[in-house]
C-alpha atoms as a PDB file:
ATOM      1  CA  MET A   1      11.434 -13.209  13.528  1.00  0.00           C
ATOM      2  CA  GLY A   2      13.418 -16.317  12.605  1.00  0.00           C
ATOM      3  CA  PHE A   3      12.241 -18.425  15.524  1.00  0.00           C
ATOM      4  CA  MET A   4       8.815 -16.960  16.173  1.00  0.00           C
ATOM      5  CA  PRO A   5       6.087 -19.560  16.639  1.00  0.00           C
ATOM      6  CA  THR A   6       2.547 -19.342  15.449  1.00  0.00           C
ATOM      7  CA  PRO A   7      -0.219 -18.392  17.870  1.00  0.00           C
ATOM      8  CA  GLU A   8      -0.665 -21.981  18.902  1.00  0.00           C
ATOM      9  CA  GLY A   9       2.919 -22.940  19.258  1.00  0.00           C
ATOM     10  CA  SER A  10       4.083 -24.595  16.044  1.00  0.00           C
ATOM     11  CA  PHE A  11       6.842 -23.289  13.826  1.00  0.00           C
ATOM     12  CA  PRO A  12       7.422 -22.356  10.203  1.00  0.00           C
ATOM     13  CA  ALA A  13       9.226 -25.071   8.305  1.00  0.00           C
ATOM     14  CA  SER A  14      12.086 -22.913   7.113  1.00  0.00           C
ATOM     15  CA  ALA A  15      15.792 -23.347   7.587  1.00  0.00           C
ATOM     16  CA  PRO A  16      16.350 -20.642  10.218  1.00  0.00           C
ATOM     17  CA  ALA A  17      13.246 -21.503  12.238  1.00  0.00           C
ATOM     18  CA  PRO A  18      12.396 -24.614  14.267  1.00  0.00           C
ATOM     19  CA  GLY A  19       9.414 -26.603  13.171  1.00  0.00           C
ATOM     20  CA  ALA A  20       7.738 -29.734  12.103  1.00  0.00           C
ATOM     21  CA  ALA A  21      10.016 -30.062   9.093  1.00  0.00           C
ATOM     22  CA  SER A  22      12.717 -27.870   7.698  1.00  0.00           C
ATOM     23  CA  ALA A  23      12.553 -26.233   4.320  1.00  0.00           C
ATOM     24  CA  LYS A  24      15.643 -28.148   3.407  1.00  0.00           C
ATOM     25  CA  ALA A  25      13.861 -31.407   4.127  1.00  0.00           C
ATOM     26  CA  SER A  26      10.841 -30.241   2.184  1.00  0.00           C
ATOM     27  CA  ALA A  27      13.004 -29.297  -0.761  1.00  0.00           C
ATOM     28  CA  ALA A  28      14.424 -32.796  -0.813  1.00  0.00           C
ATOM     29  CA  GLY A  29      11.024 -34.448  -0.527  1.00  0.00           C
ATOM     30  CA  PRO A  30       8.537 -35.629  -3.120  1.00  0.00           C
ATOM     31  CA  THR A  31       6.591 -32.364  -3.180  1.00  0.00           C
ATOM     32  CA  ALA A  32       9.599 -30.353  -4.234  1.00  0.00           C
ATOM     33  CA  GLY A  33      10.597 -32.971  -6.771  1.00  0.00           C
ATOM     34  CA  ASN A  34       7.139 -33.027  -8.321  1.00  0.00           C
ATOM     35  CA  ALA A  35       7.044 -29.235  -8.465  1.00  0.00           C
ATOM     36  CA  LYS A  36      10.360 -29.184 -10.281  1.00  0.00           C
ATOM     37  CA  ALA A  37       9.285 -31.808 -12.761  1.00  0.00           C
ATOM     38  CA  ALA A  38       5.876 -30.337 -13.446  1.00  0.00           C
ATOM     39  CA  GLY A  39       7.127 -26.783 -14.041  1.00  0.00           C
ATOM     40  CA  PRO A  40       5.625 -23.425 -13.126  1.00  0.00           C
ATOM     41  CA  LYS A  41       2.019 -24.630 -12.995  1.00  0.00           C
ATOM     42  CA  ALA A  42       2.836 -27.126 -10.244  1.00  0.00           C
ATOM     43  CA  VAL A  43       4.699 -24.459  -8.286  1.00  0.00           C
ATOM     44  CA  ASP A  44       1.768 -22.062  -8.629  1.00  0.00           C
ATOM     45  CA  LYS A  45      -0.601 -24.781  -7.508  1.00  0.00           C
ATOM     46  CA  GLU A  46       1.552 -25.543  -4.477  1.00  0.00           C
ATOM     47  CA  THR A  47       1.795 -21.851  -3.596  1.00  0.00           C
ATOM     48  CA  THR A  48      -1.964 -21.355  -3.872  1.00  0.00           C
ATOM     49  CA  ALA A  49      -2.605 -24.379  -1.678  1.00  0.00           C
ATOM     50  CA  GLY A  50      -0.014 -23.138   0.818  1.00  0.00           C
ATOM     51  CA  VAL A  51      -1.661 -19.718   1.064  1.00  0.00           C
ATOM     52  CA  LEU A  52      -5.099 -21.296   1.518  1.00  0.00           C
ATOM     53  CA  PHE A  53      -3.824 -23.626   4.239  1.00  0.00           C
ATOM     54  CA  GLY A  54      -2.078 -20.662   5.883  1.00  0.00           C
ATOM     55  CA  ILE A  55      -5.216 -18.531   5.813  1.00  0.00           C
ATOM     56  CA  GLY A  56      -7.147 -21.485   7.228  1.00  0.00           C
ATOM     57  CA  ALA A  57      -4.675 -21.929  10.097  1.00  0.00           C
ATOM     58  CA  TYR A  58      -4.336 -18.260  11.034  1.00  0.00           C
ATOM     59  CA  GLY A  59      -8.035 -17.688  10.426  1.00  0.00           C
ATOM     60  CA  LEU A  60      -8.981 -20.405  12.907  1.00  0.00           C
ATOM     61  CA  TRP A  61      -6.510 -19.025  15.451  1.00  0.00           C
ATOM     62  CA  GLY A  62      -7.934 -15.567  14.888  1.00  0.00           C
ATOM     63  CA  LEU A  63     -11.463 -16.822  15.525  1.00  0.00           C
ATOM     64  CA  LEU A  64     -10.573 -18.542  18.816  1.00  0.00           C
ATOM     65  CA  PRO A  65     -12.103 -15.695  20.889  1.00  0.00           C
ATOM     66  CA  LEU A  66     -15.527 -16.677  19.529  1.00  0.00           C
ATOM     67  CA  TYR A  67     -14.976 -20.232  20.742  1.00  0.00           C
ATOM     68  CA  PHE A  68     -13.939 -19.114  24.223  1.00  0.00           C
ATOM     69  CA  PHE A  69     -16.909 -16.750  24.338  1.00  0.00           C
ATOM     70  CA  ALA A  70     -19.236 -19.641  23.443  1.00  0.00           C
ATOM     71  CA  LEU A  71     -17.797 -21.687  26.332  1.00  0.00           C
ATOM     72  CA  MET A  72     -18.853 -19.183  28.984  1.00  0.00           C
ATOM     73  CA  PRO A  73     -19.683 -19.438  31.884  1.00  0.00           C
ATOM     74  CA  ALA A  74     -16.601 -21.692  31.982  1.00  0.00           C
ATOM     75  CA  GLY A  75     -13.610 -19.754  33.285  1.00  0.00           C
ATOM     76  CA  ALA A  76     -10.096 -19.610  31.879  1.00  0.00           C
ATOM     77  CA  VAL A  77      -8.701 -22.313  34.188  1.00  0.00           C
ATOM     78  CA  GLU A  78     -11.438 -24.817  33.326  1.00  0.00           C
ATOM     79  CA  ILE A  79     -11.205 -24.086  29.599  1.00  0.00           C
ATOM     80  CA  VAL A  80      -7.435 -24.588  29.511  1.00  0.00           C
ATOM     81  CA  ALA A  81      -7.616 -27.744  31.649  1.00  0.00           C
ATOM     82  CA  ASN A  82     -10.169 -29.265  29.277  1.00  0.00           C
ATOM     83  CA  ARG A  83      -8.187 -28.079  26.278  1.00  0.00           C
ATOM     84  CA  VAL A  84      -5.075 -29.887  27.516  1.00  0.00           C
ATOM     85  CA  VAL A  85      -6.845 -33.166  28.304  1.00  0.00           C
ATOM     86  CA  TRP A  86      -8.940 -33.389  25.129  1.00  0.00           C
ATOM     87  CA  SER A  87      -6.026 -32.261  22.958  1.00  0.00           C
ATOM     88  CA  LEU A  88      -4.020 -35.174  24.329  1.00  0.00           C
ATOM     89  CA  VAL A  89      -6.871 -37.566  23.552  1.00  0.00           C
ATOM     90  CA  PHE A  90      -7.196 -36.238  19.998  1.00  0.00           C
ATOM     91  CA  CYS A  91      -3.418 -36.372  19.459  1.00  0.00           C
ATOM     92  CA  ALA A  92      -3.364 -39.991  20.647  1.00  0.00           C
ATOM     93  CA  LEU A  93      -6.051 -40.862  18.099  1.00  0.00           C
ATOM     94  CA  LEU A  94      -4.216 -38.946  15.372  1.00  0.00           C
ATOM     95  CA  ILE A  95      -0.897 -40.624  16.154  1.00  0.00           C
ATOM     96  CA  THR A  96      -2.608 -44.016  16.119  1.00  0.00           C
ATOM     97  CA  VAL A  97      -4.197 -43.374  12.723  1.00  0.00           C
ATOM     98  CA  THR A  98      -0.927 -42.078  11.229  1.00  0.00           C
ATOM     99  CA  ARG A  99       1.129 -44.770  12.986  1.00  0.00           C
ATOM    100  CA  SER A 100       3.484 -42.209  14.473  1.00  0.00           C
ATOM    101  CA  TRP A 101       3.970 -43.738  17.905  1.00  0.00           C
ATOM    102  CA  SER A 102       7.646 -44.407  17.172  1.00  0.00           C
ATOM    103  CA  ALA A 103       8.283 -40.678  16.632  1.00  0.00           C
ATOM    104  CA  LEU A 104       6.544 -39.902  19.924  1.00  0.00           C
ATOM    105  CA  MET A 105       8.580 -42.533  21.780  1.00  0.00           C
ATOM    106  CA  GLN A 106      11.818 -41.143  20.333  1.00  0.00           C
ATOM    107  CA  ALA A 107      10.896 -37.667  21.564  1.00  0.00           C
ATOM    108  CA  VAL A 108      10.089 -38.991  25.055  1.00  0.00           C
ATOM    109  CA  ARG A 109      13.303 -41.044  25.263  1.00  0.00           C
ATOM    110  CA  SER A 110      15.520 -38.128  24.216  1.00  0.00           C
ATOM    111  CA  ARG A 111      16.446 -36.254  27.401  1.00  0.00           C
ATOM    112  CA  ALA A 112      17.233 -33.049  25.491  1.00  0.00           C
ATOM    113  CA  VAL A 113      14.018 -33.105  23.454  1.00  0.00           C
ATOM    114  CA  PHE A 114      11.755 -34.104  26.342  1.00  0.00           C
ATOM    115  CA  GLY A 115      13.349 -31.557  28.678  1.00  0.00           C
ATOM    116  CA  SER A 116      12.869 -28.752  26.171  1.00  0.00           C
ATOM    117  CA  LEU A 117       9.281 -29.755  25.456  1.00  0.00           C
ATOM    118  CA  THR A 118       8.532 -29.935  29.196  1.00  0.00           C
ATOM    119  CA  LEU A 119       9.696 -26.351  29.657  1.00  0.00           C
ATOM    120  CA  ALA A 120       7.784 -25.387  26.511  1.00  0.00           C
ATOM    121  CA  ALA A 121       4.659 -27.024  27.944  1.00  0.00           C
ATOM    122  CA  PHE A 122       4.633 -24.798  31.016  1.00  0.00           C
ATOM    123  CA  LEU A 123       5.346 -21.703  28.941  1.00  0.00           C
ATOM    124  CA  ILE A 124       2.452 -22.457  26.587  1.00  0.00           C
ATOM    125  CA  ALA A 125       0.222 -23.162  29.605  1.00  0.00           C
ATOM    126  CA  VAL A 126       0.962 -19.645  30.886  1.00  0.00           C
ATOM    127  CA  ASN A 127       0.238 -18.312  27.401  1.00  0.00           C
ATOM    128  CA  TRP A 128      -3.064 -20.189  27.027  1.00  0.00           C
ATOM    129  CA  LEU A 129      -4.243 -19.234  30.511  1.00  0.00           C
ATOM    130  CA  THR A 130      -3.407 -15.566  29.992  1.00  0.00           C
ATOM    131  CA  TYR A 131      -5.027 -15.425  26.576  1.00  0.00           C
ATOM    132  CA  THR A 132      -8.188 -17.238  27.671  1.00  0.00           C
ATOM    133  CA  TYR A 133      -8.421 -15.028  30.754  1.00  0.00           C
ATOM    134  CA  GLY A 134      -8.082 -11.908  28.588  1.00  0.00           C
ATOM    135  CA  VAL A 135     -10.836 -12.993  26.197  1.00  0.00           C
ATOM    136  CA  THR A 136     -13.271 -14.206  28.863  1.00  0.00           C
ATOM    137  CA  THR A 137     -12.889 -11.056  30.995  1.00  0.00           C
ATOM    138  CA  GLY A 138     -13.535  -8.526  28.232  1.00  0.00           C
ATOM    139  CA  GLN A 139      -9.894  -7.751  27.424  1.00  0.00           C
ATOM    140  CA  ALA A 140      -9.585  -9.303  23.955  1.00  0.00           C
ATOM    141  CA  VAL A 141      -8.137  -6.078  22.508  1.00  0.00           C
ATOM    142  CA  GLU A 142      -5.186  -6.234  24.868  1.00  0.00           C
ATOM    143  CA  ALA A 143      -4.826  -9.963  24.176  1.00  0.00           C
ATOM    144  CA  SER A 144      -4.547  -9.274  20.437  1.00  0.00           C
ATOM    145  CA  LEU A 145      -1.904  -6.654  21.231  1.00  0.00           C
ATOM    146  CA  GLY A 146       0.241  -9.407  22.763  1.00  0.00           C
ATOM    147  CA  TYR A 147       0.443 -11.226  19.448  1.00  0.00           C
ATOM    148  CA  PHE A 148       1.049  -7.998  17.558  1.00  0.00           C
ATOM    149  CA  ILE A 149       4.121  -7.168  19.659  1.00  0.00           C
ATOM    150  CA  ASN A 150       5.394 -10.755  19.800  1.00  0.00           C
ATOM    151  CA  PRO A 151       7.725 -10.274  16.777  1.00  0.00           C
ATOM    152  CA  LEU A 152       9.402  -7.384  18.606  1.00  0.00           C
ATOM    153  CA  VAL A 153       9.914  -9.559  21.688  1.00  0.00           C
ATOM    154  CA  SER A 154      11.406 -12.288  19.493  1.00  0.00           C
ATOM    155  CA  VAL A 155      13.889  -9.750  18.118  1.00  0.00           C
ATOM    156  CA  LEU A 156      14.849  -8.714  21.670  1.00  0.00           C
ATOM    157  CA  LEU A 157      15.366 -12.339  22.684  1.00  0.00           C
ATOM    158  CA  GLY A 158      17.626 -12.743  19.678  1.00  0.00           C
ATOM    159  CA  VAL A 159      19.800  -9.918  20.998  1.00  0.00           C
ATOM    160  CA  PHE A 160      19.926 -10.761  24.701  1.00  0.00           C
ATOM    161  CA  VAL A 161      19.770 -14.559  24.593  1.00  0.00           C
ATOM    162  CA  LEU A 162      21.216 -15.570  21.223  1.00  0.00           C
ATOM    163  CA  LYS A 163      23.608 -12.590  21.037  1.00  0.00           C
ATOM    164  CA  GLU A 164      22.426 -11.723  17.523  1.00  0.00           C
ATOM    165  CA  LYS A 165      23.283  -8.395  15.940  1.00  0.00           C
ATOM    166  CA  LEU A 166      20.303  -6.349  14.836  1.00  0.00           C
ATOM    167  CA  ARG A 167      20.081  -4.525  11.549  1.00  0.00           C
ATOM    168  CA  PRO A 168      19.247  -0.785  11.671  1.00  0.00           C
ATOM    169  CA  LEU A 169      15.586  -1.287  10.745  1.00  0.00           C
ATOM    170  CA  GLN A 170      15.221  -3.934  13.437  1.00  0.00           C
ATOM    171  CA  TRP A 171      16.612  -1.497  16.026  1.00  0.00           C
ATOM    172  CA  ALA A 172      14.182   1.129  14.765  1.00  0.00           C
ATOM    173  CA  ALA A 173      11.257  -1.295  15.085  1.00  0.00           C
ATOM    174  CA  VAL A 174      12.229  -2.219  18.655  1.00  0.00           C
ATOM    175  CA  GLY A 175      12.593   1.457  19.609  1.00  0.00           C
ATOM    176  CA  ILE A 176       9.177   2.273  18.151  1.00  0.00           C
ATOM    177  CA  GLY A 177       7.771  -0.713  20.044  1.00  0.00           C
ATOM    178  CA  PHE A 178       9.034   0.694  23.355  1.00  0.00           C
ATOM    179  CA  VAL A 179       7.324   3.987  22.536  1.00  0.00           C
ATOM    180  CA  ALA A 180       4.091   2.087  21.852  1.00  0.00           C
ATOM    181  CA  VAL A 181       4.249   0.289  25.215  1.00  0.00           C
ATOM    182  CA  GLY A 182       4.746   3.655  26.911  1.00  0.00           C
ATOM    183  CA  VAL A 183       1.725   5.152  25.153  1.00  0.00           C
ATOM    184  CA  LEU A 184      -0.446   2.136  25.995  1.00  0.00           C
ATOM    185  CA  THR A 185       0.720   2.132  29.613  1.00  0.00           C
ATOM    186  CA  TYR A 186      -0.438   5.739  29.867  1.00  0.00           C
ATOM    187  CA  SER A 187      -3.711   4.833  28.176  1.00  0.00           C
ATOM    188  CA  TYR A 188      -4.510   1.840  30.401  1.00  0.00           C
ATOM    189  CA  GLY A 189      -3.213   3.529  33.535  1.00  0.00           C
ATOM    190  CA  LYS A 190      -1.030   0.455  34.120  1.00  0.00           C
ATOM    191  CA  LEU A 191       1.333  -1.787  32.248  1.00  0.00           C
ATOM    192  CA  PRO A 192      -0.616  -3.826  29.639  1.00  0.00           C
ATOM    193  CA  TRP A 193       0.367  -6.979  31.530  1.00  0.00           C
ATOM    194  CA  ILE A 194      -1.863  -9.325  29.537  1.00  0.00           C
ATOM    195  CA  ALA A 195      -0.239  -8.278  26.263  1.00  0.00           C
ATOM    196  CA  LEU A 196       3.281  -8.369  27.724  1.00  0.00           C
ATOM    197  CA  THR A 197       2.736 -11.776  29.371  1.00  0.00           C
ATOM    198  CA  LEU A 198       1.436 -13.187  26.095  1.00  0.00           C
ATOM    199  CA  ALA A 199       4.293 -11.713  24.076  1.00  0.00           C
ATOM    200  CA  PHE A 200       7.089 -12.798  26.433  1.00  0.00           C
ATOM    201  CA  SER A 201       5.684 -16.243  27.226  1.00  0.00           C
ATOM    202  CA  PHE A 202       5.272 -16.850  23.513  1.00  0.00           C
ATOM    203  CA  GLY A 203       8.693 -15.452  22.694  1.00  0.00           C
ATOM    204  CA  LEU A 204      10.368 -17.636  25.331  1.00  0.00           C
ATOM    205  CA  TYR A 205       8.307 -20.588  24.115  1.00  0.00           C
ATOM    206  CA  GLY A 206       9.705 -19.986  20.648  1.00  0.00           C
ATOM    207  CA  PHE A 207      13.251 -19.811  21.986  1.00  0.00           C
ATOM    208  CA  VAL A 208      12.858 -23.102  23.851  1.00  0.00           C
ATOM    209  CA  LYS A 209      11.313 -24.808  20.835  1.00  0.00           C
ATOM    210  CA  LYS A 210      14.197 -23.539  18.695  1.00  0.00           C
ATOM    211  CA  ARG A 211      16.461 -25.852  20.671  1.00  0.00           C
ATOM    212  CA  VAL A 212      14.338 -28.808  19.602  1.00  0.00           C
ATOM    213  CA  GLY A 213      14.531 -27.750  15.964  1.00  0.00           C
ATOM    214  CA  PRO A 214      13.219 -30.101  13.280  1.00  0.00           C
ATOM    215  CA  ARG A 215      13.582 -33.200  15.467  1.00  0.00           C
ATOM    216  CA  VAL A 216       9.853 -33.283  16.272  1.00  0.00           C
ATOM    217  CA  ASP A 217       6.845 -32.460  14.118  1.00  0.00           C
ATOM    218  CA  ALA A 218       3.952 -30.300  15.281  1.00  0.00           C
ATOM    219  CA  VAL A 219       1.646 -33.145  16.339  1.00  0.00           C
ATOM    220  CA  THR A 220       4.395 -34.971  18.242  1.00  0.00           C
ATOM    221  CA  SER A 221       5.366 -31.737  19.950  1.00  0.00           C
ATOM    222  CA  LEU A 222       1.769 -30.981  20.953  1.00  0.00           C
ATOM    223  CA  SER A 223       1.367 -34.559  22.178  1.00  0.00           C
ATOM    224  CA  VAL A 224       4.402 -34.388  24.461  1.00  0.00           C
ATOM    225  CA  GLU A 225       3.493 -30.945  25.772  1.00  0.00           C
ATOM    226  CA  THR A 226      -0.086 -31.929  26.578  1.00  0.00           C
ATOM    227  CA  MET A 227       1.156 -35.209  28.069  1.00  0.00           C
ATOM    228  CA  VAL A 228       3.309 -33.207  30.495  1.00  0.00           C
ATOM    229  CA  LEU A 229       0.427 -30.890  31.410  1.00  0.00           C
ATOM    230  CA  ALA A 230      -2.319 -33.555  31.468  1.00  0.00           C
ATOM    231  CA  PRO A 231      -1.866 -34.680  35.124  1.00  0.00           C
ATOM    232  CA  PHE A 232      -2.191 -31.074  36.321  1.00  0.00           C
ATOM    233  CA  ALA A 233      -5.120 -30.429  33.994  1.00  0.00           C
ATOM    234  CA  ALA A 234      -6.905 -33.611  35.090  1.00  0.00           C
ATOM    235  CA  ALA A 235      -6.371 -32.686  38.754  1.00  0.00           C
ATOM    236  CA  VAL A 236      -7.903 -29.255  38.087  1.00  0.00           C
ATOM    237  CA  MET A 237     -10.914 -30.845  36.383  1.00  0.00           C
ATOM    238  CA  VAL A 238     -11.439 -33.219  39.328  1.00  0.00           C
ATOM    239  CA  TYR A 239     -11.085 -30.391  41.841  1.00  0.00           C
ATOM    240  CA  LEU A 240     -13.591 -28.195  39.987  1.00  0.00           C
ATOM    241  CA  ALA A 241     -16.040 -31.115  39.760  1.00  0.00           C
ATOM    242  CA  MET A 242     -15.740 -31.848  43.496  1.00  0.00           C
ATOM    243  CA  ALA A 243     -16.145 -28.150  44.307  1.00  0.00           C
ATOM    244  CA  GLY A 244     -19.287 -28.013  42.196  1.00  0.00           C
ATOM    245  CA  THR A 245     -17.938 -25.253  39.948  1.00  0.00           C
ATOM    246  CA  ALA A 246     -17.194 -27.324  36.835  1.00  0.00           C
ATOM    247  CA  THR A 247     -19.393 -26.577  33.838  1.00  0.00           C
ATOM    248  CA  LEU A 248     -18.464 -29.624  31.715  1.00  0.00           C
ATOM    249  CA  THR A 249     -21.587 -31.580  32.635  1.00  0.00           C
ATOM    250  CA  SER A 250     -23.797 -28.858  34.103  1.00  0.00           C
ATOM    251  CA  GLN A 251     -24.535 -26.638  31.098  1.00  0.00           C
ATOM    252  CA  GLY A 252     -26.226 -29.081  28.754  1.00  0.00           C
ATOM    253  CA  PRO A 253     -24.991 -31.372  25.965  1.00  0.00           C
ATOM    254  CA  GLY A 254     -24.041 -28.484  23.665  1.00  0.00           C
ATOM    255  CA  HIS A 255     -21.600 -27.073  26.188  1.00  0.00           C
ATOM    256  CA  PHE A 256     -20.255 -30.562  26.927  1.00  0.00           C
ATOM    257  CA  TRP A 257     -19.433 -31.290  23.301  1.00  0.00           C
ATOM    258  CA  LEU A 258     -18.011 -27.803  22.755  1.00  0.00           C
ATOM    259  CA  LEU A 259     -15.503 -28.390  25.554  1.00  0.00           C
ATOM    260  CA  LEU A 260     -14.631 -31.838  24.209  1.00  0.00           C
ATOM    261  CA  ALA A 261     -14.090 -30.289  20.774  1.00  0.00           C
ATOM    262  CA  SER A 262     -11.182 -28.257  22.163  1.00  0.00           C
ATOM    263  CA  GLY A 263      -8.822 -31.069  21.184  1.00  0.00           C
ATOM    264  CA  VAL A 264      -9.864 -30.862  17.546  1.00  0.00           C
ATOM    265  CA  ILE A 265      -9.914 -27.063  17.610  1.00  0.00           C
ATOM    266  CA  THR A 266      -6.344 -27.055  18.935  1.00  0.00           C
ATOM    267  CA  ALA A 267      -4.899 -29.632  16.537  1.00  0.00           C
ATOM    268  CA  VAL A 268      -6.612 -28.852  13.203  1.00  0.00           C
ATOM    269  CA  PRO A 269      -5.034 -25.397  12.750  1.00  0.00           C
ATOM    270  CA  LEU A 270      -1.655 -26.991  13.498  1.00  0.00           C
ATOM    271  CA  LEU A 271      -2.202 -29.478  10.675  1.00  0.00           C
ATOM    272  CA  PHE A 272      -3.248 -26.670   8.337  1.00  0.00           C
ATOM    273  CA  PHE A 273      -0.187 -24.692   9.324  1.00  0.00           C
ATOM    274  CA  GLY A 274       2.107 -27.661   8.711  1.00  0.00           C
ATOM    275  CA  ALA A 275       0.649 -28.084   5.224  1.00  0.00           C
ATOM    276  CA  SER A 276       1.126 -24.360   4.587  1.00  0.00           C
ATOM    277  CA  ALA A 277       4.696 -24.224   5.889  1.00  0.00           C
ATOM    278  CA  ARG A 278       5.762 -27.061   3.577  1.00  0.00           C
ATOM    279  CA  ARG A 279       4.586 -25.076   0.561  1.00  0.00           C
ATOM    280  CA  LEU A 280       5.496 -21.456   1.383  1.00  0.00           C
ATOM    281  CA  PRO A 281       8.717 -19.550   2.049  1.00  0.00           C
ATOM    282  CA  MET A 282       9.375 -18.095   5.495  1.00  0.00           C
ATOM    283  CA  THR A 283       8.702 -14.577   4.220  1.00  0.00           C
ATOM    284  CA  THR A 284       5.130 -15.416   3.240  1.00  0.00           C
ATOM    285  CA  ILE A 285       4.534 -17.202   6.544  1.00  0.00           C
ATOM    286  CA  GLY A 286       5.873 -14.127   8.322  1.00  0.00           C
ATOM    287  CA  LEU A 287       3.318 -11.935   6.574  1.00  0.00           C
ATOM    288  CA  LEU A 288       0.411 -14.322   7.126  1.00  0.00           C
ATOM    289  CA  GLN A 289       1.074 -14.430  10.879  1.00  0.00           C
ATOM    290  CA  TYR A 290      -0.456 -10.965  11.348  1.00  0.00           C
ATOM    291  CA  PHE A 291      -3.790 -12.303  10.110  1.00  0.00           C
ATOM    292  CA  ALA A 292      -4.603 -13.923  13.488  1.00  0.00           C
ATOM    293  CA  PRO A 293      -4.134 -10.902  15.813  1.00  0.00           C
ATOM    294  CA  LEU A 294      -5.848  -8.685  13.250  1.00  0.00           C
ATOM    295  CA  LEU A 295      -8.912 -10.942  13.312  1.00  0.00           C
ATOM    296  CA  GLN A 296      -8.808 -11.024  17.107  1.00  0.00           C
ATOM    297  CA  PHE A 297      -8.641  -7.219  17.201  1.00  0.00           C
ATOM    298  CA  ILE A 298     -11.596  -6.857  14.828  1.00  0.00           C
ATOM    299  CA  LEU A 299     -13.663  -9.361  16.823  1.00  0.00           C
ATOM    300  CA  ALA A 300     -12.913  -7.475  20.045  1.00  0.00           C
ATOM    301  CA  LEU A 301     -14.209  -4.244  18.533  1.00  0.00           C
ATOM    302  CA  VAL A 302     -17.100  -5.466  16.378  1.00  0.00           C
ATOM    303  CA  VAL A 303     -18.429  -8.519  18.231  1.00  0.00           C
ATOM    304  CA  PHE A 304     -17.416  -7.962  21.861  1.00  0.00           C
ATOM    305  CA  ARG A 305     -17.859  -4.172  21.642  1.00  0.00           C
ATOM    306  CA  GLU A 306     -14.728  -3.401  23.656  1.00  0.00           C
ATOM    307  CA  ALA A 307     -13.887   0.278  24.033  1.00  0.00           C
ATOM    308  CA  MET A 308     -10.984   1.891  22.160  1.00  0.00           C
ATOM    309  CA  THR A 309     -10.053   5.371  23.330  1.00  0.00           C
ATOM    310  CA  LEU A 310      -8.079   7.808  21.178  1.00  0.00           C
ATOM    311  CA  ASP A 311      -4.839   7.234  23.089  1.00  0.00           C
ATOM    312  CA  ARG A 312      -5.236   3.461  22.674  1.00  0.00           C
ATOM    313  CA  TRP A 313      -5.711   3.906  18.940  1.00  0.00           C
ATOM    314  CA  ILE A 314      -2.510   5.951  18.939  1.00  0.00           C
ATOM    315  CA  GLY A 315      -0.699   3.205  20.889  1.00  0.00           C
ATOM    316  CA  PHE A 316      -1.870   0.493  18.515  1.00  0.00           C
ATOM    317  CA  GLY A 317      -0.952   2.725  15.566  1.00  0.00           C
ATOM    318  CA  VAL A 318       2.608   3.024  16.868  1.00  0.00           C
ATOM    319  CA  VAL A 319       2.764  -0.779  17.245  1.00  0.00           C
ATOM    320  CA  TRP A 320       1.630  -1.211  13.651  1.00  0.00           C
ATOM    321  CA  VAL A 321       4.290   1.254  12.472  1.00  0.00           C
ATOM    322  CA  ALA A 322       6.922  -0.837  14.293  1.00  0.00           C
ATOM    323  CA  LEU A 323       5.593  -4.009  12.627  1.00  0.00           C
ATOM    324  CA  LEU A 324       5.654  -2.281   9.236  1.00  0.00           C
ATOM    325  CA  VAL A 325       9.312  -1.372   9.731  1.00  0.00           C
ATOM    326  CA  LEU A 326      10.091  -4.940  10.821  1.00  0.00           C
ATOM    327  CA  THR A 327       8.238  -6.366   7.814  1.00  0.00           C
ATOM    328  CA  VAL A 328      10.102  -4.085   5.389  1.00  0.00           C
ATOM    329  CA  ASP A 329      13.380  -5.289   6.905  1.00  0.00           C
ATOM    330  CA  MET A 330      12.269  -8.910   6.576  1.00  0.00           C
ATOM    331  CA  LEU A 331      11.309  -8.462   2.914  1.00  0.00           C
ATOM    332  CA  ARG A 332      14.572  -6.645   2.111  1.00  0.00           C
ATOM    333  CA  THR A 333      16.650  -9.333   3.794  1.00  0.00           C
ATOM    334  CA  ALA A 334      14.758 -12.117   2.019  1.00  0.00           C
ATOM    335  CA  GLY A 335      15.255 -10.331  -1.321  1.00  0.00           C
ATOM    336  CA  LYS A 336      19.002  -9.980  -0.741  1.00  0.00           C
ATOM    337  CA  TYR A 337      19.210 -13.640   0.206  1.00  0.00           C
ATOM    338  CA  ARG A 338      17.454 -14.712  -2.996  1.00  0.00           C
ATOM    339  CA  VAL A 339      19.756 -12.541  -5.115  1.00  0.00           C
ATOM    340  CA  ALA A 340      22.850 -13.922  -3.397  1.00  0.00           C
ATOM    341  CA  LYS A 341      21.563 -17.455  -3.875  1.00  0.00           C
ATOM    342  CA  ARG A 342      20.985 -16.905  -7.594  1.00  0.00           C
ATOM    343  CA  GLN A 343      24.433 -15.393  -7.977  1.00  0.00           C
ATOM    344  CA  ALA A 344      26.007 -18.319  -6.159  1.00  0.00           C
ATOM    345  CA  LYS A 345      24.217 -20.756  -8.474  1.00  0.00           C
ATOM    346  CA  ALA A 346      25.263 -18.770 -11.529  1.00  0.00           C
ATOM    347  CA  SER A 347      28.880 -18.859 -10.499  1.00  0.00           C
END
């Protein structure tokens, strides 16, 4: 789970994971220094703020299906095209206000960074299209499944791509995950391709972004990725307008402004997540990440009234068992690391 991104493509700011800022950098910054000087109360305050920002970020990501539902009759392709274009506009305004154009230019000039972010852009485009298609076609349950099994895919990528050695509990979690996919394949009568596409596109996106590491922050990363996709997105918007199938200007002012708001709706959770990641350890971020697919799952059942047969409940139950095993392993490993760190300091 070390390099697993959040549902919208940013990364925890911890040492083993790529992201807007590393934990090491955060520890050296003014926040860490103030916390140390102020004592336990400051630390508690920082932790509380971090949890609240984290809940805000994952909560907004979890509520995205409601936003896509409100945008209907716009289809997945039109929604994603608008999301790319207006996200770029919002990022440009944000970078102007924060005077971060130099960071953006550095990312564009770096061949390694720009190349990685270009590949990441197309991977996240596949992810966004698949997710939006799932939600707008009454398959939000399966879409939430993709983000539930994403940690298992990240573990597999660690083995096959990064040549990492898995711990016994990680192997157990992966094995249970394969059983779950088998059960759900039987239930759906086909491979749950939406869930698998989401999980693998997101896992590969995380792997690519790992190569970039802490060299770009979340807003710069989103800016470059949307900049790469913007020409394609703009071409799609023009084509849909010429074909008379675009809904941007044909469904009233409310629909128009909802589509334009996609830039804000994409970027704000990223900012919340960045604020959370600077204040919380990776373990806490890892636990909070399940909040988004859980909300999506609940919305699919309660709001969208999607059907859940007994065999699908069994399949999801097996997935949750696998995630429980993976979480136990993560907590045990984090505990051992803290003990070893204390012992090293003591010696």
